[in-house]
């Protein structure tokens, strides 16, 4: 095995490791990424209300807005 094959295998191995790391790492919740909405409220009203997501097997998913 010459140096070019070792370099190319190293590049492929590094790319595979980065792809697997990105696939299995734990990510923080992002309203824009996880709900495909991106329309989070701005200002003090965000502290006064909350969204509740509820889904059970065999039933329709429900999204409830609770005002505090």
Protein backbone atom coordinates (compact mmCIF):
# COMPACT_ATOMS: atom_id res chain seq x y z
CA UNK A 1 0.00 0.00 0.00
CA UNK A 2 1.56 3.29 -1.06
CA UNK A 3 1.10 6.72 0.52
CA UNK A 4 -1.70 7.81 -1.86
CA UNK A 5 -3.91 4.91 -0.88
CA UNK A 6 -3.27 5.60 2.81
CA UNK A 7 -4.18 9.28 2.38
CA UNK A 8 -7.35 8.47 0.45
CA UNK A 9 -8.42 5.86 3.03
CA UNK A 10 -7.73 8.39 5.78
CA UNK A 11 -9.96 10.98 4.05
CA UNK A 12 -12.75 8.44 3.57
CA UNK A 13 -12.45 7.31 7.19
CA UNK A 14 -12.55 10.90 8.49
CA UNK A 15 -15.61 11.70 6.36
CA UNK A 16 -17.41 8.56 7.60
CA UNK A 17 -16.58 9.41 11.22
CA UNK A 18 -17.91 12.98 10.83
CA UNK A 19 -21.11 11.77 9.17
CA UNK A 20 -21.74 9.21 11.92
CA UNK A 21 -20.98 11.75 14.66
CA UNK A 22 -23.47 14.23 13.16
CA UNK A 23 -26.09 11.51 12.85
CA UNK A 24 -25.96 10.21 16.42
CA UNK A 25 -25.16 13.29 18.53
CA UNK A 26 -27.88 14.78 20.75
CA UNK A 27 -29.10 18.13 19.51
CA UNK A 28 -30.87 20.94 21.36
CA UNK A 29 -34.52 21.63 20.47
CA UNK A 30 -34.93 24.29 17.82
CA UNK A 31 -38.43 25.55 17.03
CA UNK A 32 -37.45 26.49 13.50
CA UNK A 33 -35.74 23.18 12.67
CA UNK A 34 -38.00 20.75 14.54
CA UNK A 35 -41.43 22.22 13.67
CA UNK A 36 -40.69 23.53 10.15
CA UNK A 37 -42.41 26.75 11.16
CA UNK A 38 -39.80 29.28 12.20
CA UNK A 39 -42.47 31.65 13.44
CA UNK A 40 -41.61 31.85 17.13
CA UNK A 41 -43.09 34.82 18.96
CA UNK A 42 -40.79 37.72 19.76
CA UNK A 43 -40.91 39.80 22.92
CA UNK A 44 -42.37 39.40 26.39
CA UNK A 45 -45.37 37.37 25.18
CA UNK A 46 -43.14 34.29 24.88
CA UNK A 47 -42.92 34.09 28.67
CA UNK A 48 -46.70 34.16 29.08
CA UNK A 49 -47.74 31.31 26.82
CA UNK A 50 -46.60 27.80 26.08
CA UNK A 51 -47.23 25.20 23.39
CA UNK A 52 -48.28 21.67 24.33
CA UNK A 53 -47.81 18.90 21.75
CA UNK A 54 -49.80 15.71 22.37
CA UNK A 55 -49.96 12.68 20.10
CA UNK A 56 -51.23 9.22 20.94
CA UNK A 57 -51.34 6.13 18.83
CA UNK A 58 -54.54 5.95 16.79
CA UNK A 59 -55.54 9.59 17.51
CA UNK A 60 -54.93 12.87 15.76
CA UNK A 61 -51.96 14.91 17.02
CA UNK A 62 -53.01 17.98 19.00
CA UNK A 63 -51.23 21.28 19.52
CA UNK A 64 -52.57 23.37 22.39
CA UNK A 65 -51.59 26.95 23.21
CA UNK A 66 -51.79 27.57 26.97
CA UNK A 67 -52.00 31.19 28.05
CA UNK A 68 -50.64 31.97 31.51
